[in-house]
Amino acid sequence: MDPRSLGLVIVILGVLLIVIGGLVAVGAFGWFGRLPGDIRIETGSTRIYIPITTMLLLSLGLSLLAAIFRRFQ
């Protein structure tokens, strides 16, 4: 990969991070982490949270992103 295309990839990733950060700041991802299948147990002062469905969706999204990068590389 030449330096010019590597620089372009870094810029694109930076812009994506800024967009995602802005969406998180305004609350667009309020549903994320509260999906059906996420286990939440609260008793007294103890809280246990196991985000099964959220992690499955995150893994699927990252796998698709990796496949897209591999295809265009």
Protein backbone atom coordinates (compact mmCIF):
# COMPACT_ATOMS: atom_id res chain seq x y z
CA MET A 1 0.00 0.00 0.00
CA ASP A 2 1.52 3.30 -1.03
CA PRO A 3 1.68 6.24 1.42
CA ARG A 4 -0.94 8.23 -0.47
CA SER A 5 -3.64 5.54 -0.22
CA LEU A 6 -2.71 4.83 3.40
CA GLY A 7 -3.18 8.53 4.17
CA LEU A 8 -6.59 8.46 2.49
CA VAL A 9 -7.66 5.46 4.56
CA ILE A 10 -6.57 7.22 7.77
CA VAL A 11 -8.50 10.36 6.83
CA ILE A 12 -11.65 8.35 6.02
CA LEU A 13 -11.41 6.48 9.34
CA GLY A 14 -10.98 9.78 11.16
CA VAL A 15 -14.07 11.26 9.52
CA LEU A 16 -16.06 8.12 10.38
CA LEU A 17 -14.96 8.36 14.01
CA ILE A 18 -16.03 12.00 14.16
CA VAL A 19 -19.45 11.16 12.68
CA ILE A 20 -19.97 8.23 15.05
CA GLY A 21 -18.83 10.37 18.01
CA GLY A 22 -21.33 13.07 17.04
CA LEU A 23 -24.14 10.52 16.82
CA VAL A 24 -23.24 9.13 20.24
CA ALA A 25 -23.16 12.67 21.70
CA VAL A 26 -26.70 13.44 20.52
CA GLY A 27 -28.03 10.09 21.73
CA ALA A 28 -28.62 8.36 18.39
CA PHE A 29 -27.29 5.09 19.81
CA GLY A 30 -29.44 5.09 22.96
CA TRP A 31 -30.88 1.71 21.98
CA PHE A 32 -27.43 0.15 21.67
CA GLY A 33 -26.81 -2.00 24.73
CA ARG A 34 -30.50 -2.36 25.55
CA LEU A 35 -31.46 -4.94 22.96
CA PRO A 36 -33.60 -8.02 23.55
CA GLY A 37 -31.19 -10.76 24.56
CA ASP A 38 -28.94 -8.49 26.62
CA ILE A 39 -28.98 -9.78 30.18
CA ARG A 40 -29.31 -7.23 32.98
CA ILE A 41 -29.56 -8.27 36.62
CA GLU A 42 -29.98 -5.63 39.32
CA THR A 43 -30.32 -6.62 42.98
CA GLY A 44 -29.77 -4.11 45.74
CA SER A 45 -26.38 -2.52 45.14
CA THR A 46 -25.20 -5.19 42.67
CA ARG A 47 -25.53 -4.77 38.91
CA ILE A 48 -24.59 -7.43 36.37
CA TYR A 49 -24.82 -6.67 32.67
CA ILE A 50 -24.08 -9.19 29.90
CA PRO A 51 -24.64 -7.63 26.43
CA ILE A 52 -24.97 -10.83 24.36
CA THR A 53 -27.08 -9.48 21.49
CA THR A 54 -25.19 -6.20 21.34
CA MET A 55 -21.84 -7.99 21.06
CA LEU A 56 -23.20 -10.32 18.35
CA LEU A 57 -24.33 -7.32 16.29
CA LEU A 58 -21.02 -5.55 16.84
CA SER A 59 -19.10 -8.67 15.80
CA LEU A 60 -21.23 -9.03 12.67
CA GLY A 61 -20.67 -5.39 11.72
CA LEU A 62 -16.91 -5.56 12.25
CA SER A 63 -16.71 -8.83 10.28
CA LEU A 64 -18.56 -7.22 7.36
CA LEU A 65 -16.26 -4.20 7.52
CA ALA A 66 -13.17 -6.46 7.49
CA ALA A 67 -14.56 -8.40 4.50
CA ILE A 68 -15.13 -5.16 2.59
CA PHE A 69 -11.58 -3.97 3.33
CA ARG A 70 -10.15 -7.34 2.20
CA ARG A 71 -12.14 -7.22 -1.03
CA PHE A 72 -10.85 -3.78 -2.06
CA GLN A 73 -7.28 -4.33 -0.96
